[in-house]
Amino acid sequence: MTSKSDLYYSDYLELEKILNSQHPKSGFATDEMLFIIIHQAYELWFKQIIHELDAVRTIFSKENVNDNAGEMSIAVHKLKRVVKIFEVINQQVNILETMTPMDFLEFRNLLQPSSGFQSLQFRMIEAKLGLKMEHRYQSEYYKHIRPGGFNAEDYATISNVEKEATLKQLIVKWAERTPFFDEALWGEYQSLYPIEEGTQKFWSDYKQMYANSLSKAEHGRLNELEKVFYKEGSGDFSMNAMRAILFIMMYRNLPIFHLPFDLLTTLIDIDELLSQWRYKHMLMTRRMIGMRVGTGGTSGAGYLEGALRQHYIFRELNEVTTYLIERSKLPDLPNAVKEKMSFNTK
């Protein structure tokens, strides 16, 4: 029996398995080895991203995120790690692009009908973040079991993941729990404008403050503000969740909002890096095969362009900046609200 002191580097990392798992179909004379290693590296990073996302979802699945116990800090730290991993993944595309189109053609036909589309882990990442099946570009691609699609086991796995609470859904619930707008907290708040009937004091004022910030060409935005923050919400985010997010972004310099603001901007970063990944993949595909059909039967670069356009997960967070006003115009908050600013309050 091997003792702890006898643990060996290659045994611990199981390098024999890893380094002997590259089996080019075309032999070792082509760039297929590079192609395999790059995609294996992607899948290892995808595994780590799933590990981090599951940990963050566990934190946000609790009724109250305990800021004082460091849970919010842990969640933000893990999501920032996901950002760094996606930055590395995007850089790996540059290595793959050292392969020329004719280098790729030497083994491309041997890959059919397999395709990067069949990456189970990448689909799991998208689903765990919150990309819904009905929001996917050409979603019918995802709903069949045939050559070029998923096998039955992977299809079942993806279907089960989509039934779980997504990070996006958990963030919405977290935002809805914020205790900022209980009217009892705003007793000492001095309204700047006549209070609109049935509207909370701050939000009654904010509508007018936002209207005053708009140029003549932008006045149509006032109707959008009304819809998002006073009636319906936006996308998967309820009205109350959107109010909380806008409030955090406006008052982000207050110490209690540092981590929540960091959380929101990190989610936006993840969305942007996923978009960069899709964009780089689309450009690389055009460079390698032009307008030819993908090995898995999709439209190749055309499919990737559609996914780039449509697969934004946290679009609502990006759009919040549409409704910000100048920091210098923000009203001072009443003391009762400042004292209540904790996500631990039930």
Foldseek 3Di string as FASTA:
>chain_A
DDDPVRDDDCVVVVVVCVVPPDDAPLDDPACVSVVVVLVVVVLVLLVLLVVLLVLLVVQLVDLFRDVVVVRLVSNLVSLVVNLVSLVVNLVSLVVVLVQALVSCVSCQLVCFQDDPQASLSVLLSLLQQPFDLVLFDVSVQAVDDDFLYYHPVSSVVSVVSNVDQHPVNSLLSLLLLWDQQDLVLCPVPDAPDPADPPDGRQVSNLLVVLCVQDDPVCNVVSVVCCCQQPNANDDPHGNSSLVSLLVLVLPVVPVLSVSVVSNLVSLVSSLVSVLSSLVSLLVSQCRNPNQPAHSSGHRTSVSSVSRSVGSRRVVSSVCSVVSDGDSVPRDDGGPSSVVSRDSRDD
